């Protein structure tokens, strides 16, 4: 394994204090794939990753199985387990599904969100504005918090859990796109418009704002595929 590779530790991660080692390994590897520490096409070694984490091979094997179910890794007979290339077709299909779900969430939020819900959304956007330039990782964490808070404001936490499982391919493209294809300032401004529409209970305006926001990836996707063709398939 690349000696420069830095995966999230799984023995002292405060985000997962009560989670089994296999689940911690899964979350760490998923994050590494999404944030391109493990790039598309990377050959994964069960034994080396187990040594890196200081655990037995069994939790790593379990993590590999779940990553395969998520569509993040693939087993090639006689060759090994690899990080999957990003499927353009899958990204487009998942974006379509995500838009359908999040439009429904935002329309409901524009009707049902409480003042406390709106204040939480505004606070997350304020944190995004305060980020130093180039801190893509922190922005993605806050972006995740923003969309999760949207679902909570509409009492749609189960819908968010569905989205969280669907959107891993989109997440990889989103991380790639932040460097230049989609400026973070643009995304934050879109978040602000979504919150403003929800706060003023403008249902149609909230829907239009979330549709514009989730369509951003359709603009950046062809640029990214042209710039890093080795990462993509289809």
Protein backbone atom coordinates (compact mmCIF):
# COMPACT_ATOMS: atom_id res chain seq x y z
CA UNK A 1 0.00 0.00 0.00
CA UNK A 2 1.13 3.57 -0.67
CA UNK A 3 3.06 4.72 2.39
CA UNK A 4 1.75 8.26 1.90
CA UNK A 5 -1.87 7.16 2.16
CA UNK A 6 -3.67 8.58 5.19
CA UNK A 7 -6.90 6.85 6.15
CA UNK A 8 -9.09 7.92 9.04
CA UNK A 9 -8.07 5.93 12.15
CA UNK A 10 -10.67 3.46 13.30
CA UNK A 11 -9.54 2.87 16.87
CA UNK A 12 -9.98 6.40 18.24
CA UNK A 13 -12.39 8.13 15.87
CA UNK A 14 -14.69 10.27 18.06
CA UNK A 15 -17.42 10.22 15.38
CA UNK A 16 -17.93 6.46 15.84
CA UNK A 17 -17.24 5.71 19.53
CA UNK A 18 -19.73 2.87 19.88
CA UNK A 19 -19.61 1.36 16.42
CA UNK A 20 -18.14 -2.06 15.70
CA UNK A 21 -14.68 -2.22 14.15
CA UNK A 22 -16.09 -3.46 10.82
CA UNK A 23 -18.42 -0.46 10.58
CA UNK A 24 -15.59 1.91 11.48
CA UNK A 25 -13.44 0.37 8.75
CA UNK A 26 -16.33 0.76 6.31
CA UNK A 27 -16.81 4.45 7.15
CA UNK A 28 -13.09 5.15 6.92
CA UNK A 29 -12.71 3.40 3.56
CA UNK A 30 -15.87 4.99 2.17
CA UNK A 31 -14.53 8.42 3.12
CA UNK A 32 -11.15 7.62 1.55
CA UNK A 33 -12.82 6.59 -1.72
CA UNK A 34 -15.14 9.61 -1.82
CA UNK A 35 -12.27 12.01 -1.07
CA UNK A 36 -10.00 10.31 -3.62
CA UNK A 37 -7.38 9.12 -1.17
CA UNK A 38 -8.26 5.78 -2.76
CA UNK A 39 -8.64 6.75 -6.40
CA UNK A 40 -10.73 5.04 -9.07
CA UNK A 41 -8.84 1.98 -10.28
CA UNK A 42 -6.81 1.61 -7.06
CA UNK A 43 -5.97 -2.00 -6.18
CA UNK A 44 -7.08 -2.74 -2.62
CA UNK A 45 -5.26 -5.27 -0.46
CA UNK A 46 -7.26 -6.75 2.37
CA UNK A 47 -4.10 -7.78 4.21
CA UNK A 48 -2.36 -4.42 3.83
CA UNK A 49 -5.39 -2.42 4.93
CA UNK A 50 -5.82 -4.71 7.95
CA UNK A 51 -2.16 -4.08 8.87
CA UNK A 52 -2.63 -0.34 8.35
CA UNK A 53 -5.58 -0.28 10.75
CA UNK A 54 -3.99 -2.76 13.15
CA UNK A 55 -6.96 -5.14 13.02
CA UNK A 56 -7.65 -8.65 11.78
CA UNK A 57 -8.64 -9.21 8.15
CA UNK A 58 -12.25 -10.10 9.03
CA UNK A 59 -13.59 -6.54 9.61
CA UNK A 60 -11.79 -5.36 6.47
CA UNK A 61 -13.32 -8.22 4.50
CA UNK A 62 -16.78 -7.23 5.83
CA UNK A 63 -16.13 -3.61 4.83
CA UNK A 64 -15.12 -4.70 1.31
CA UNK A 65 -18.40 -6.62 0.95
CA UNK A 66 -20.45 -3.54 1.92
CA UNK A 67 -18.39 -1.27 -0.31
CA UNK A 68 -19.10 -3.63 -3.18
CA UNK A 69 -22.83 -3.45 -2.41
CA UNK A 70 -22.55 0.36 -2.49
CA UNK A 71 -20.93 0.17 -5.90
CA UNK A 72 -17.64 1.63 -4.72
CA UNK A 73 -15.42 -1.41 -5.28
CA UNK A 74 -15.42 -4.34 -7.68
CA UNK A 75 -13.81 -7.78 -7.67
CA UNK A 76 -12.01 -8.69 -10.88
CA UNK A 77 -11.41 -12.46 -11.13
CA UNK A 78 -7.75 -13.45 -10.87
CA UNK A 79 -6.77 -9.81 -10.38
CA UNK A 80 -8.15 -8.55 -7.06
CA UNK A 81 -10.45 -5.92 -5.55
CA UNK A 82 -10.35 -2.45 -7.10
CA UNK A 83 -11.95 0.91 -6.41
CA UNK A 84 -14.59 1.21 -9.12
CA UNK A 85 -14.34 3.79 -11.83
CA UNK A 86 -17.05 6.46 -11.62
CA UNK A 87 -19.96 5.53 -13.85
CA UNK A 88 -21.31 8.62 -15.62
CA UNK A 89 -24.59 6.80 -16.26
CA UNK A 90 -24.97 5.88 -12.57
CA UNK A 91 -24.21 9.43 -11.44
CA UNK A 92 -26.90 10.81 -13.74
CA UNK A 93 -29.43 8.20 -12.62
CA UNK A 94 -28.71 8.77 -8.93
CA UNK A 95 -28.93 12.54 -9.39
CA UNK A 96 -32.38 12.04 -10.95
CA UNK A 97 -33.52 9.98 -7.95
CA UNK A 98 -31.98 12.39 -5.47
CA UNK A 99 -33.73 15.35 -7.07
CA UNK A 100 -37.09 13.59 -6.90
CA UNK A 101 -36.64 12.90 -3.17
CA UNK A 102 -35.12 16.25 -2.19
CA UNK A 103 -37.71 18.27 -4.10
CA UNK A 104 -40.37 16.54 -2.02
CA UNK A 105 -38.36 17.20 1.15
CA UNK A 106 -37.88 20.89 0.41
CA UNK A 107 -41.53 21.45 -0.53
CA UNK A 108 -42.56 19.88 2.78
CA UNK A 109 -39.94 21.91 4.66
CA UNK A 110 -41.29 25.14 3.16
CA UNK A 111 -44.61 24.29 4.80
CA UNK A 112 -43.57 22.57 8.02
CA UNK A 113 -40.13 23.85 9.04
CA UNK A 114 -40.08 25.48 12.47
CA UNK A 115 -38.18 28.62 13.41
CA UNK A 116 -35.60 26.42 15.13
CA UNK A 117 -35.17 24.37 11.95
CA UNK A 118 -34.62 27.51 9.88
CA UNK A 119 -32.14 28.87 12.41
CA UNK A 120 -30.16 25.62 12.20
CA UNK A 121 -30.06 25.81 8.39
CA UNK A 122 -28.98 29.46 8.54
CA UNK A 123 -26.25 28.56 11.05
CA UNK A 124 -24.86 25.87 8.75
CA UNK A 125 -24.78 28.29 5.81
CA UNK A 126 -23.00 30.85 8.03
CA UNK A 127 -20.38 28.22 8.89
CA UNK A 128 -19.92 27.54 5.18
CA UNK A 129 -19.35 31.25 4.51
CA UNK A 130 -16.73 31.33 7.29
CA UNK A 131 -14.60 28.51 5.85
CA UNK A 132 -11.10 29.41 4.64
CA UNK A 133 -10.58 29.23 0.89
CA UNK A 134 -9.67 25.76 -0.34
CA UNK A 135 -11.05 23.83 2.63
CA UNK A 136 -12.99 21.41 0.43
CA UNK A 137 -13.18 18.67 3.05
CA UNK A 138 -14.84 20.90 5.65
CA UNK A 139 -17.24 22.27 3.06
CA UNK A 140 -18.34 18.77 2.08
CA UNK A 141 -18.90 17.91 5.74
CA UNK A 142 -21.05 21.04 6.17
CA UNK A 143 -22.82 20.37 2.87
CA UNK A 144 -23.74 16.94 4.21
CA UNK A 145 -25.00 18.56 7.41
CA UNK A 146 -27.05 21.06 5.41
CA UNK A 147 -28.90 18.44 3.36
CA UNK A 148 -29.42 16.25 6.40
CA UNK A 149 -30.85 19.25 8.27
CA UNK A 150 -33.19 19.92 5.34
CA UNK A 151 -34.57 16.40 5.70
CA UNK A 152 -34.90 16.80 9.47
CA UNK A 153 -36.76 20.11 9.04
CA UNK A 154 -39.38 18.26 7.00
CA UNK A 155 -39.43 15.30 9.42
CA UNK A 156 -38.01 13.11 6.65
CA UNK A 157 -35.04 11.48 8.36
CA UNK A 158 -35.85 8.13 6.79
CA UNK A 159 -35.67 9.74 3.36
CA UNK A 160 -32.20 11.05 4.21
CA UNK A 161 -31.05 7.54 5.11
CA UNK A 162 -32.19 6.38 1.67
CA UNK A 163 -30.33 9.26 0.03
CA UNK A 164 -27.18 8.58 2.02
CA UNK A 165 -27.01 5.09 0.55
CA UNK A 166 -27.78 6.28 -2.98
CA UNK A 167 -25.48 9.22 -3.38
CA UNK A 168 -21.97 7.79 -2.91
CA UNK A 169 -21.16 8.03 -6.64
CA UNK A 170 -22.36 11.65 -6.66
CA UNK A 171 -20.20 12.34 -3.62
CA UNK A 172 -17.05 11.34 -5.51
CA UNK A 173 -17.93 13.68 -8.36
CA UNK A 174 -18.78 16.46 -5.92
CA UNK A 175 -15.37 16.17 -4.27
CA UNK A 176 -13.65 16.25 -7.66
CA UNK A 177 -15.68 19.25 -8.80
CA UNK A 178 -14.97 21.59 -5.90
CA UNK A 179 -11.45 22.45 -7.04
CA UNK A 180 -12.57 24.37 -10.13
CA UNK A 181 -15.61 22.99 -11.97
CA UNK A 182 -18.14 24.21 -9.37
CA UNK A 183 -16.96 27.09 -7.14
CA UNK A 184 -17.86 26.64 -3.50
CA UNK A 185 -19.19 30.20 -3.40
CA UNK A 186 -21.81 29.22 -5.99
CA UNK A 187 -22.97 26.27 -3.91
CA UNK A 188 -23.19 28.36 -0.73
CA UNK A 189 -25.26 31.00 -2.52
CA UNK A 190 -27.61 28.25 -3.72
CA UNK A 191 -27.92 26.98 -0.13
CA UNK A 192 -28.80 30.50 0.97
CA UNK A 193 -31.58 30.78 -1.60
CA UNK A 194 -33.03 27.44 -0.52
CA UNK A 195 -33.13 28.56 3.11
CA UNK A 196 -34.63 31.95 2.23
CA UNK A 197 -37.44 30.28 0.29
CA UNK A 198 -38.15 27.86 3.14
CA UNK A 199 -38.07 30.69 5.71
CA UNK A 200 -40.62 32.68 3.70
CA UNK A 201 -42.73 29.55 3.06
CA UNK A 202 -42.44 29.95 -0.72
CA UNK A 203 -42.94 26.36 -1.80
CA UNK A 204 -42.44 26.79 -5.55
CA UNK A 205 -39.38 29.00 -5.06
CA UNK A 206 -37.86 26.43 -2.70
CA UNK A 207 -38.41 23.70 -5.28
CA UNK A 208 -36.83 25.79 -8.04
CA UNK A 209 -33.81 26.53 -5.82
CA UNK A 210 -33.15 22.88 -4.94
CA UNK A 211 -33.57 21.82 -8.57
CA UNK A 212 -30.99 24.39 -9.66
CA UNK A 213 -28.64 23.26 -6.90
CA UNK A 214 -28.86 19.57 -7.71
CA UNK A 215 -28.48 20.23 -11.44
CA UNK A 216 -25.04 21.76 -10.88
CA UNK A 217 -23.42 18.34 -11.17
CA UNK A 218 -24.72 17.96 -14.73
CA UNK A 219 -22.62 20.97 -15.70
CA UNK A 220 -19.47 19.83 -13.92
CA UNK A 221 -19.65 16.12 -14.84
CA UNK A 222 -18.57 16.37 -18.51
CA UNK A 223 -15.77 18.78 -17.57
CA UNK A 224 -14.46 16.39 -14.95
CA UNK A 225 -14.72 13.37 -17.23
CA UNK A 226 -12.71 15.23 -19.87
CA UNK A 227 -10.11 16.41 -17.35
CA UNK A 228 -9.64 13.05 -15.56
CA UNK A 229 -10.77 10.39 -18.06
CA UNK A 230 -8.94 7.60 -16.19
CA UNK A 231 -11.40 8.05 -13.29
CA UNK A 232 -14.57 7.54 -15.36
CA UNK A 233 -16.38 4.88 -17.31
CA UNK A 234 -19.37 4.96 -19.76
